[in-house]
């Protein structure tokens, strides 16, 4: 099983959206200068380093269980239309 089979991009996007809001409040604009002034290579190295620290278990796709089989119709099998009044009356 590969990472793409178990990794949820939806949960990653939700995590980034929630974290970004808090970082905008808590981190000063001057602290972002490290990223704006970094070269492409430095920024890629930093982002790869940060990516290795991500806990993929928290971003796992939700597994679904198989559907339950449908219960077979027995009383009105083969009929196209059944009166609701008759069904409610139990006949």
Protein backbone atom coordinates (compact mmCIF):
# COMPACT_ATOMS: atom_id res chain seq x y z
CA UNK A 1 0.00 0.00 0.00
CA UNK A 2 1.46 3.37 -0.99
CA UNK A 3 1.23 6.70 0.76
CA UNK A 4 -1.24 8.01 -1.83
CA UNK A 5 -3.64 5.18 -0.96
CA UNK A 6 -3.75 6.13 2.72
CA UNK A 7 -2.98 9.87 2.69
CA UNK A 8 -5.91 12.32 2.68
CA UNK A 9 -5.37 15.56 0.76
CA UNK A 10 -8.62 16.85 2.27
CA UNK A 11 -7.29 16.54 5.83
CA UNK A 12 -4.01 18.17 4.76
CA UNK A 13 -5.86 21.15 3.26
CA UNK A 14 -8.01 21.49 6.39
CA UNK A 15 -4.90 21.37 8.61
CA UNK A 16 -3.16 24.04 6.55
CA UNK A 17 -6.24 26.28 6.56
CA UNK A 18 -6.64 26.02 10.33
CA UNK A 19 -2.94 26.51 11.06
CA UNK A 20 -2.59 29.46 8.70
CA UNK A 21 -5.28 31.41 10.52
CA UNK A 22 -3.48 31.02 13.85
CA UNK A 23 -0.07 31.80 12.38
CA UNK A 24 -1.37 35.03 10.85
CA UNK A 25 -2.41 36.14 14.33
CA UNK A 26 0.61 34.89 16.29
CA UNK A 27 3.58 35.52 13.97
CA UNK A 28 4.81 39.04 13.21
CA UNK A 29 5.43 40.13 9.62
CA UNK A 30 9.14 40.64 10.39
CA UNK A 31 9.48 36.93 11.20
CA UNK A 32 8.43 36.01 7.65
CA UNK A 33 11.48 37.83 6.18
CA UNK A 34 13.47 34.58 6.53
CA UNK A 35 11.20 32.99 3.94
CA UNK A 36 10.84 35.97 1.61
CA UNK A 37 14.58 36.58 1.42
CA UNK A 38 15.54 32.90 1.03
CA UNK A 39 16.80 31.59 -2.29
CA UNK A 40 14.83 28.91 -4.11
CA UNK A 41 17.24 26.19 -2.95
CA UNK A 42 17.12 27.33 0.69
CA UNK A 43 13.33 27.49 0.66
CA UNK A 44 13.05 24.02 -0.92
CA UNK A 45 15.45 22.59 1.65
CA UNK A 46 13.47 24.17 4.48
CA UNK A 47 10.12 22.95 3.13
CA UNK A 48 11.46 19.41 2.63
CA UNK A 49 12.78 19.44 6.20
CA UNK A 50 9.38 20.55 7.49
CA UNK A 51 7.61 17.93 5.35
CA UNK A 52 9.61 15.13 6.99
CA UNK A 53 8.17 16.17 10.35
CA UNK A 54 4.52 15.75 9.30
CA UNK A 55 2.73 12.96 11.14
CA UNK A 56 1.03 11.11 8.28
CA UNK A 57 -1.01 9.03 10.73
CA UNK A 58 -3.04 12.16 11.56
CA UNK A 59 -3.77 12.72 7.86
CA UNK A 60 -4.93 9.18 7.06
CA UNK A 61 -7.93 8.65 4.81
CA UNK A 62 -11.08 7.44 6.49
CA UNK A 63 -11.81 3.88 5.52
CA UNK A 64 -15.37 2.90 4.72
CA UNK A 65 -16.87 -0.41 5.55
CA UNK A 66 -18.62 -2.43 2.86
CA UNK A 67 -22.31 -1.82 2.29
CA UNK A 68 -24.75 -4.16 3.94
CA UNK A 69 -26.63 -6.38 1.52
CA UNK A 70 -30.20 -5.33 0.74
CA UNK A 71 -32.91 -7.31 2.45
CA UNK A 72 -34.95 -9.15 -0.15
CA UNK A 73 -38.59 -8.21 -0.65
CA UNK A 74 -40.81 -11.18 0.05
CA UNK A 75 -44.44 -10.13 0.46
CA UNK A 76 -44.85 -7.94 -2.65
CA UNK A 77 -42.21 -9.54 -4.86
CA UNK A 78 -42.94 -9.18 -8.58
CA UNK A 79 -45.61 -6.48 -8.19
CA UNK A 80 -45.07 -3.13 -9.89
CA UNK A 81 -47.30 -1.06 -7.62
CA UNK A 82 -48.38 -1.66 -4.05
CA UNK A 83 -51.01 0.45 -2.33
CA UNK A 84 -49.61 2.32 0.68
CA UNK A 85 -52.94 1.86 2.48
CA UNK A 86 -52.68 -1.93 2.09
CA UNK A 87 -49.08 -1.94 3.32
CA UNK A 88 -50.05 0.11 6.39
CA UNK A 89 -53.07 -2.10 7.00
CA UNK A 90 -50.83 -5.17 6.92
CA UNK A 91 -52.58 -7.04 4.12
